[in-house]
C-alpha atoms as a PDB file:
ATOM      1  CA  MET A   1     -75.925 153.578 166.094  1.00  0.00           C
ATOM      2  CA  ASN A   2     -71.930 153.933 166.575  1.00  0.00           C
ATOM      3  CA  ILE A   3     -70.300 150.869 164.667  1.00  0.00           C
ATOM      4  CA  ILE A   4     -67.067 150.035 166.651  1.00  0.00           C
ATOM      5  CA  LYS A   5     -65.925 146.544 164.646  1.00  0.00           C
ATOM      6  CA  ASP A   6     -67.355 146.089 161.123  1.00  0.00           C
ATOM      7  CA  GLY A   7     -66.636 142.444 160.855  1.00  0.00           C
ATOM      8  CA  SER A   8     -64.368 142.841 158.260  1.00  0.00           C
ATOM      9  CA  ASN A   9     -61.638 140.639 161.102  1.00  0.00           C
ATOM     10  CA  GLY A  10     -64.140 138.145 161.989  1.00  0.00           C
ATOM     11  CA  TYR A  11     -65.767 140.281 164.575  1.00  0.00           C
ATOM     12  CA  TYR A  12     -68.425 143.016 165.066  1.00  0.00           C
ATOM     13  CA  GLN A  13     -69.467 145.106 167.718  1.00  0.00           C
ATOM     14  CA  PHE A  14     -71.527 148.187 167.860  1.00  0.00           C
ATOM     15  CA  THR A  15     -73.590 150.236 170.206  1.00  0.00           C
ATOM     16  CA  VAL A  16     -76.465 152.381 170.030  1.00  0.00           C
ATOM     17  CA  SER A  17     -77.788 155.856 171.200  1.00  0.00           C
ATOM     18  CA  GLN A  18     -81.409 155.356 171.313  1.00  0.00           C
ATOM     19  CA  ASN A  19     -84.626 152.711 172.582  1.00  0.00           C
ATOM     20  CA  GLY A  20     -85.404 151.061 169.446  1.00  0.00           C
ATOM     21  CA  ASP A  21     -85.699 147.906 167.456  1.00  0.00           C
ATOM     22  CA  TYR A  22     -82.482 147.619 165.036  1.00  0.00           C
ATOM     23  CA  THR A  23     -81.857 144.801 162.313  1.00  0.00           C
ATOM     24  CA  LEU A  24     -77.958 143.508 161.620  1.00  0.00           C
ATOM     25  CA  ALA A  25     -77.276 143.837 158.236  1.00  0.00           C
ATOM     26  CA  TYR A  26     -73.739 141.688 157.176  1.00  0.00           C
ATOM     27  CA  THR A  27     -71.566 141.662 154.526  1.00  0.00           C
ATOM     28  CA  LEU A  28     -70.280 138.733 153.685  1.00  0.00           C
ATOM     29  CA  PRO A  29     -66.593 138.140 153.379  1.00  0.00           C
ATOM     30  CA  ALA A  30     -65.769 136.636 149.532  1.00  0.00           C
ATOM     31  CA  GLY A  31     -65.728 132.915 149.840  1.00  0.00           C
ATOM     32  CA  PHE A  32     -68.593 132.452 151.924  1.00  0.00           C
ATOM     33  CA  LEU A  33     -72.055 132.470 151.836  1.00  0.00           C
ATOM     34  CA  LEU A  34     -74.771 132.503 154.936  1.00  0.00           C
ATOM     35  CA  SER A  35     -75.505 129.107 156.024  1.00  0.00           C
ATOM     36  CA  THR A  36     -78.968 127.771 154.569  1.00  0.00           C
ATOM     37  CA  ALA A  37     -78.340 124.708 157.332  1.00  0.00           C
ATOM     38  CA  CYS A  38     -78.423 126.914 160.110  1.00  0.00           C
ATOM     39  CA  LEU A  39     -80.664 129.253 160.072  1.00  0.00           C
ATOM     40  CA  ALA A  40     -81.331 132.507 162.552  1.00  0.00           C
ATOM     41  CA  GLN A  41     -84.242 132.563 165.884  1.00  0.00           C
ATOM     42  CA  PRO A  42     -88.056 133.845 164.561  1.00  0.00           C
ATOM     43  CA  GLY A  43     -88.554 137.455 166.001  1.00  0.00           C
ATOM     44  CA  GLN A  44     -86.256 139.669 167.920  1.00  0.00           C
ATOM     45  CA  LEU A  45     -84.039 139.461 170.739  1.00  0.00           C
ATOM     46  CA  ASP A  46     -84.778 141.489 173.686  1.00  0.00           C
ATOM     47  CA  PRO A  47     -82.544 141.998 176.209  1.00  0.00           C
ATOM     48  CA  ALA A  48     -85.390 142.802 178.848  1.00  0.00           C
ATOM     49  CA  GLN A  49     -87.386 139.654 178.388  1.00  0.00           C
ATOM     50  CA  SER A  50     -84.357 137.058 178.656  1.00  0.00           C
ATOM     51  CA  PRO A  51     -84.067 135.877 182.198  1.00  0.00           C
ATOM     52  CA  PRO A  52     -81.958 135.575 183.978  1.00  0.00           C
ATOM     53  CA  VAL A  53     -80.435 138.703 183.534  1.00  0.00           C
ATOM     54  CA  ALA A  54     -77.093 138.598 183.239  1.00  0.00           C
ATOM     55  CA  ASN A  55     -74.376 140.716 181.967  1.00  0.00           C
ATOM     56  CA  PRO A  56     -72.890 140.051 179.336  1.00  0.00           C
ATOM     57  CA  LEU A  57     -75.795 138.229 177.863  1.00  0.00           C
ATOM     58  CA  VAL A  58     -74.263 135.231 176.116  1.00  0.00           C
ATOM     59  CA  VAL A  59     -76.336 134.264 173.037  1.00  0.00           C
ATOM     60  CA  GLY A  60     -73.996 131.274 171.411  1.00  0.00           C
ATOM     61  CA  LEU A  61     -71.666 128.713 173.244  1.00  0.00           C
ATOM     62  CA  GLY A  62     -68.798 129.238 170.392  1.00  0.00           C
ATOM     63  CA  SER A  63     -66.060 132.618 170.312  1.00  0.00           C
ATOM     64  CA  LYS A  64     -62.874 133.570 169.148  1.00  0.00           C
ATOM     65  CA  ASN A  65     -59.635 131.575 169.752  1.00  0.00           C
ATOM     66  CA  GLY A  66     -56.570 133.880 169.405  1.00  0.00           C
ATOM     67  CA  ALA A  67     -54.247 130.556 168.588  1.00  0.00           C
ATOM     68  CA  THR A  68     -56.147 129.064 165.435  1.00  0.00           C
ATOM     69  CA  ASN A  69     -58.665 132.152 164.292  1.00  0.00           C
ATOM     70  CA  GLN A  70     -61.444 129.427 164.650  1.00  0.00           C
ATOM     71  CA  MET A  71     -64.429 129.309 166.685  1.00  0.00           C
ATOM     72  CA  THR A  72     -64.003 127.154 169.907  1.00  0.00           C
ATOM     73  CA  ASN A  73     -67.915 125.812 169.098  1.00  0.00           C
ATOM     74  CA  TRP A  74     -69.227 126.278 165.730  1.00  0.00           C
ATOM     75  CA  PHE A  75     -71.981 123.726 166.067  1.00  0.00           C
ATOM     76  CA  CYS A  76     -75.102 124.722 165.213  1.00  0.00           C
ATOM     77  CA  SER A  77     -77.125 123.647 168.008  1.00  0.00           C
ATOM     78  CA  ASP A  78     -74.769 125.888 170.517  1.00  0.00           C
ATOM     79  CA  ASN A  79     -75.292 128.916 168.554  1.00  0.00           C
ATOM     80  CA  PRO A  80     -78.473 130.581 167.833  1.00  0.00           C
ATOM     81  CA  TYR A  81     -78.459 133.695 166.662  1.00  0.00           C
ATOM     82  CA  TYR A  82     -80.765 136.699 165.701  1.00  0.00           C
ATOM     83  CA  TRP A  83     -81.090 139.646 163.264  1.00  0.00           C
ATOM     84  CA  ILE A  84     -83.443 141.771 165.114  1.00  0.00           C
ATOM     85  CA  PHE A  85     -82.569 143.355 168.284  1.00  0.00           C
ATOM     86  CA  ARG A  86     -84.947 145.218 170.780  1.00  0.00           C
ATOM     87  CA  LEU A  87     -82.663 147.483 172.767  1.00  0.00           C
ATOM     88  CA  GLU A  88     -83.103 150.166 175.350  1.00  0.00           C
ATOM     89  CA  LEU A  89     -80.142 152.242 176.853  1.00  0.00           C
ATOM     90  CA  GLY A  90     -78.498 150.752 179.866  1.00  0.00           C
ATOM     91  CA  ASP A  91     -79.403 147.043 178.560  1.00  0.00           C
ATOM     92  CA  GLN A  92     -76.764 144.419 179.530  1.00  0.00           C
ATOM     93  CA  MET A  93     -74.406 143.687 176.662  1.00  0.00           C
ATOM     94  CA  ILE A  94     -74.804 140.866 173.945  1.00  0.00           C
ATOM     95  CA  ILE A  95     -71.895 138.980 172.684  1.00  0.00           C
ATOM     96  CA  ASN A  96     -71.479 135.966 170.570  1.00  0.00           C
ATOM     97  CA  ASN A  97     -74.334 136.269 168.037  1.00  0.00           C
ATOM     98  CA  ASN A  98     -72.363 134.219 165.858  1.00  0.00           C
ATOM     99  CA  ILE A  99     -73.425 134.505 162.081  1.00  0.00           C
ATOM    100  CA  PRO A 100     -72.748 130.775 160.394  1.00  0.00           C
ATOM    101  CA  LEU A 101     -71.510 130.759 156.974  1.00  0.00           C
ATOM    102  CA  THR A 102     -70.975 128.299 154.706  1.00  0.00           C
ATOM    103  CA  PRO A 103     -67.741 128.398 151.860  1.00  0.00           C
ATOM    104  CA  THR A 104     -68.085 128.326 148.414  1.00  0.00           C
ATOM    105  CA  GLN A 105     -65.391 126.330 147.891  1.00  0.00           C
ATOM    106  CA  PRO A 106     -65.243 122.517 148.076  1.00  0.00           C
ATOM    107  CA  THR A 107     -65.444 121.561 151.685  1.00  0.00           C
ATOM    108  CA  GLY A 108     -64.081 117.577 150.809  1.00  0.00           C
ATOM    109  CA  ILE A 109     -60.830 116.658 151.762  1.00  0.00           C
ATOM    110  CA  THR A 110     -58.350 115.028 150.143  1.00  0.00           C
ATOM    111  CA  LEU A 111     -57.991 111.651 151.278  1.00  0.00           C
ATOM    112  CA  SER A 112     -54.866 109.360 150.320  1.00  0.00           C
ATOM    113  CA  SER A 113     -54.188 106.531 152.179  1.00  0.00           C
ATOM    114  CA  PHE A 114     -56.793 105.217 155.516  1.00  0.00           C
ATOM    115  CA  TYR A 115     -55.909 101.528 156.902  1.00  0.00           C
ATOM    116  CA  ALA A 116     -55.997  99.711 160.326  1.00  0.00           C
ATOM    117  CA  GLU A 117     -53.197  97.656 162.027  1.00  0.00           C
ATOM    118  CA  VAL A 118     -52.846  95.539 165.167  1.00  0.00           C
ATOM    119  CA  GLY A 119     -49.962  96.730 167.714  1.00  0.00           C
ATOM    120  CA  GLN A 120     -49.007  96.350 170.953  1.00  0.00           C
ATOM    121  CA  ASP A 121     -50.642  99.055 172.055  1.00  0.00           C
ATOM    122  CA  GLY A 122     -53.855  97.895 170.262  1.00  0.00           C
ATOM    123  CA  ILE A 123     -55.212  98.726 167.176  1.00  0.00           C
ATOM    124  CA  LEU A 124     -53.928 101.421 165.627  1.00  0.00           C
ATOM    125  CA  THR A 125     -55.602 103.061 162.634  1.00  0.00           C
ATOM    126  CA  TYR A 126     -53.999 105.634 159.979  1.00  0.00           C
ATOM    127  CA  TRP A 127     -54.485 108.234 157.576  1.00  0.00           C
ATOM    128  CA  THR A 128     -52.853 110.516 155.309  1.00  0.00           C
ATOM    129  CA  THR A 129     -55.025 113.787 153.808  1.00  0.00           C
ATOM    130  CA  GLU A 130     -53.038 115.799 150.907  1.00  0.00           C
ATOM    131  CA  THR A 131     -55.773 118.540 151.179  1.00  0.00           C
ATOM    132  CA  GLU A 132     -58.067 119.576 154.101  1.00  0.00           C
ATOM    133  CA  PRO A 133     -60.453 123.059 152.849  1.00  0.00           C
ATOM    134  CA  ASN A 134     -62.303 124.161 155.535  1.00  0.00           C
ATOM    135  CA  CYS A 135     -61.972 121.074 157.707  1.00  0.00           C
ATOM    136  CA  ALA A 136     -62.285 121.453 161.816  1.00  0.00           C
ATOM    137  CA  GLY A 137     -61.097 117.651 162.252  1.00  0.00           C
ATOM    138  CA  PHE A 138     -62.364 114.153 162.547  1.00  0.00           C
ATOM    139  CA  ASN A 139     -63.793 111.313 164.168  1.00  0.00           C
ATOM    140  CA  LEU A 140     -63.366 107.749 164.068  1.00  0.00           C
ATOM    141  CA  PHE A 141     -66.232 105.324 164.311  1.00  0.00           C
ATOM    142  CA  ARG A 142     -66.123 101.392 164.752  1.00  0.00           C
ATOM    143  CA  SER A 143     -68.412  98.389 164.599  1.00  0.00           C
ATOM    144  CA  ASN A 144     -68.506  94.309 164.537  1.00  0.00           C
ATOM    145  CA  GLU A 145     -70.059  94.586 161.244  1.00  0.00           C
ATOM    146  CA  GLU A 146     -69.573  96.142 157.688  1.00  0.00           C
ATOM    147  CA  ASN A 147     -72.674  97.058 157.753  1.00  0.00           C
ATOM    148  CA  GLY A 148     -73.640  97.139 161.260  1.00  0.00           C
ATOM    149  CA  ASN A 149     -73.947 100.332 163.477  1.00  0.00           C
ATOM    150  CA  TYR A 150     -70.335 102.202 164.207  1.00  0.00           C
ATOM    151  CA  VAL A 151     -70.254 104.131 167.146  1.00  0.00           C
ATOM    152  CA  LYS A 152     -67.919 107.262 167.766  1.00  0.00           C
ATOM    153  CA  ILE A 153     -64.877 106.094 169.911  1.00  0.00           C
ATOM    154  CA  ASN A 154     -62.803 109.134 170.011  1.00  0.00           C
ATOM    155  CA  ASP A 155     -64.162 111.722 173.321  1.00  0.00           C
ATOM    156  CA  ASN A 156     -62.789 115.221 171.279  1.00  0.00           C
ATOM    157  CA  LEU A 157     -62.923 115.974 168.105  1.00  0.00           C
ATOM    158  CA  ILE A 158     -59.234 115.465 166.345  1.00  0.00           C
ATOM    159  CA  SER A 159     -58.026 118.341 164.933  1.00  0.00           C
ATOM    160  CA  ALA A 160     -57.057 118.897 161.607  1.00  0.00           C
ATOM    161  CA  ARG A 161     -53.681 120.067 160.894  1.00  0.00           C
ATOM    162  CA  GLY A 162     -54.037 120.936 157.042  1.00  0.00           C
ATOM    163  CA  ASP A 163     -55.278 123.137 155.364  1.00  0.00           C
ATOM    164  CA  ALA A 164     -56.191 124.207 151.267  1.00  0.00           C
ATOM    165  CA  THR A 165     -53.215 123.232 149.751  1.00  0.00           C
ATOM    166  CA  SER A 166     -51.351 120.859 152.422  1.00  0.00           C
ATOM    167  CA  GLY A 167     -52.463 118.037 154.138  1.00  0.00           C
ATOM    168  CA  ALA A 168     -51.036 116.053 157.129  1.00  0.00           C
ATOM    169  CA  SER A 169     -50.821 112.248 158.583  1.00  0.00           C
ATOM    170  CA  TYR A 170     -52.831 111.006 161.771  1.00  0.00           C
ATOM    171  CA  SER A 171     -53.314 108.037 164.208  1.00  0.00           C
ATOM    172  CA  TYR A 172     -55.320 107.054 166.759  1.00  0.00           C
ATOM    173  CA  VAL A 173     -54.950 104.118 168.884  1.00  0.00           C
ATOM    174  CA  ASP A 174     -58.347 101.632 169.921  1.00  0.00           C
ATOM    175  CA  LYS A 175     -58.441  99.155 172.556  1.00  0.00           C
ATOM    176  CA  PRO A 176     -61.598  97.038 172.199  1.00  0.00           C
ATOM    177  CA  ASP A 177     -61.913  95.236 175.048  1.00  0.00           C
ATOM    178  CA  LEU A 178     -62.266  91.392 173.063  1.00  0.00           C
ATOM    179  CA  ALA A 179     -61.090  89.460 170.436  1.00  0.00           C
ATOM    180  CA  GLY A 180     -62.696  90.138 167.028  1.00  0.00           C
ATOM    181  CA  GLU A 181     -63.553  91.534 163.530  1.00  0.00           C
ATOM    182  CA  TYR A 182     -63.455  95.309 163.735  1.00  0.00           C
ATOM    183  CA  TYR A 183     -64.225  97.987 161.056  1.00  0.00           C
ATOM    184  CA  TYR A 184     -63.377 101.665 161.194  1.00  0.00           C
ATOM    185  CA  LYS A 185     -64.724 104.628 158.923  1.00  0.00           C
ATOM    186  CA  LEU A 186     -63.198 108.221 159.290  1.00  0.00           C
ATOM    187  CA  GLN A 187     -65.225 111.118 159.311  1.00  0.00           C
ATOM    188  CA  PRO A 188     -64.233 114.839 158.182  1.00  0.00           C
ATOM    189  CA  VAL A 189     -65.843 117.280 159.697  1.00  0.00           C
ATOM    190  CA  SER A 190     -66.438 120.773 158.044  1.00  0.00           C
ATOM    191  CA  LEU A 191     -65.884 124.401 159.584  1.00  0.00           C
ATOM    192  CA  ASP A 192     -69.417 124.977 159.135  1.00  0.00           C
ATOM    193  CA  GLY A 193     -70.331 121.242 160.835  1.00  0.00           C
ATOM    194  CA  ASP A 194     -71.117 118.957 157.459  1.00  0.00           C
ATOM    195  CA  THR A 195     -69.673 115.956 157.575  1.00  0.00           C
ATOM    196  CA  THR A 196     -69.193 112.565 155.607  1.00  0.00           C
ATOM    197  CA  PHE A 197     -66.969 109.080 156.154  1.00  0.00           C
ATOM    198  CA  HIS A 198     -64.525 107.459 154.609  1.00  0.00           C
ATOM    199  CA  GLY A 199     -64.127 103.757 154.370  1.00  0.00           C
ATOM    200  CA  PRO A 200     -64.380 100.763 156.409  1.00  0.00           C
ATOM    201  CA  VAL A 201     -61.009  99.297 157.072  1.00  0.00           C
ATOM    202  CA  PHE A 202     -61.309  96.247 158.787  1.00  0.00           C
ATOM    203  CA  VAL A 203     -58.974  94.299 160.935  1.00  0.00           C
ATOM    204  CA  THR A 204     -59.019  91.027 162.931  1.00  0.00           C
ATOM    205  CA  LEU A 205     -58.137  91.055 166.477  1.00  0.00           C
ATOM    206  CA  THR A 206     -56.756  87.645 168.136  1.00  0.00           C
ATOM    207  CA  ALA A 207     -57.174  86.858 171.412  1.00  0.00           C
ATOM    208  CA  VAL A 208     -53.169  86.450 171.299  1.00  0.00           C
ATOM    209  CA  ASP A 209     -52.948  89.839 170.170  1.00  0.00           C
ATOM    210  CA  LEU A 210     -55.388  91.397 173.013  1.00  0.00           C
ATOM    211  CA  GLU A 211     -53.364  89.602 175.407  1.00  0.00           C
ATOM    212  CA  LYS A 212     -50.346  92.348 174.369  1.00  0.00           C
ATOM    213  CA  TYR A 213     -52.044  95.472 175.655  1.00  0.00           C
ATOM    214  CA  ALA A 214     -53.962  93.827 178.056  1.00  0.00           C
ATOM    215  CA  VAL A 215     -51.605  92.621 180.351  1.00  0.00           C
ATOM    216  CA  PRO A 216     -48.550  94.713 181.038  1.00  0.00           C
ATOM    217  CA  ASP A 217     -45.372  93.601 180.183  1.00  0.00           C
ATOM    218  CA  ASN A 218     -43.492  95.301 182.837  1.00  0.00           C
ATOM    219  CA  TYR A 219     -44.325  95.208 186.745  1.00  0.00           C
ATOM    220  CA  THR A 220     -42.552  97.639 189.593  1.00  0.00           C
ATOM    221  CA  LEU A 221     -42.777  97.435 192.870  1.00  0.00           C
ATOM    222  CA  SER A 222     -43.018 100.785 194.751  1.00  0.00           C
ATOM    223  CA  GLN A 223     -40.910 101.518 197.889  1.00  0.00           C
ATOM    224  CA  ASN A 224     -42.977 100.641 201.143  1.00  0.00           C
ATOM    225  CA  TYR A 225     -42.885 102.974 204.109  1.00  0.00           C
ATOM    226  CA  PRO A 226     -40.682 101.440 206.708  1.00  0.00           C
ATOM    227  CA  LEU A 227     -42.533 100.715 210.250  1.00  0.00           C
ATOM    228  CA  ARG A 228     -41.215 102.489 213.128  1.00  0.00           C
ATOM    229  CA  SER A 229     -41.572 100.507 216.507  1.00  0.00           C
ATOM    230  CA  THR A 230     -39.784 101.286 220.229  1.00  0.00           C
ATOM    231  CA  ARG A 231     -39.947  98.349 221.196  1.00  0.00           C
ATOM    232  CA  LYS A 232     -36.666  96.102 220.435  1.00  0.00           C
ATOM    233  CA  PRO A 233     -37.011  92.444 219.334  1.00  0.00           C
ATOM    234  CA  PRO A 234     -35.508  89.974 221.264  1.00  0.00           C
ATOM    235  CA  LEU A 235     -32.080  89.079 220.417  1.00  0.00           C
ATOM    236  CA  SER A 236     -31.221  85.278 220.165  1.00  0.00           C
ATOM    237  CA  LEU A 237     -27.338  84.220 220.303  1.00  0.00           C
ATOM    238  CA  VAL A 238     -26.254  81.265 219.108  1.00  0.00           C
ATOM    239  CA  TYR A 239     -22.875  79.561 220.418  1.00  0.00           C
ATOM    240  CA  PRO A 240     -20.275  77.131 218.534  1.00  0.00           C
ATOM    241  CA  ASN A 241     -19.874  73.826 220.578  1.00  0.00           C
ATOM    242  CA  PRO A 242     -16.835  74.434 222.525  1.00  0.00           C
ATOM    243  CA  VAL A 243     -13.993  72.930 221.320  1.00  0.00           C
ATOM    244  CA  LEU A 244     -12.345  71.099 224.025  1.00  0.00           C
END
């Protein structure tokens, strides 16, 4: 076996010189353990028996983001992985066999404030963190009742901007269609996919508040295109009464 990248920088690569079954042994980086929630696929991965044949054979959806040095997708369901491979010379390349790790240090954020208020653009939620160890980002959930069913309102994960030693401030605008009472919960998401909830916080949206962002304050009239005609309109002349 020829080891090209040993994984010390978060990326490993190797080639083989003969057919056989190969078991991957991985030395964990300091401060991390193998995930006990996201387990390897049973058995072995045989590229020859993985139709449709593709080159490269992509195992997981996540890849390394060069800008953040983090995974583009870290969810377990999207990233199956194997420890054992049955390889033959001439097999296609295998990529994204991502090994999930769990940090040994605490994963919870330190939240210093979380509240909601009504603004001209809708209901604004604000939160501030003191530290964000191993935090990937945040989701916001809304309900009409404090102990009711909460529904996620953000389409994409709100990316974390802090780290283990510093926090950040965030805001999100929600625009419900109806007046009423609304409850919000904040969900931090760790790099390992673990989640927890903070809140709820409560705000009342009145019909007057709703009109502020449901009806625009300003209107604009776009310039229309002039109509061209080859016919000349009739000309009417009005003469004043003659002075005698």
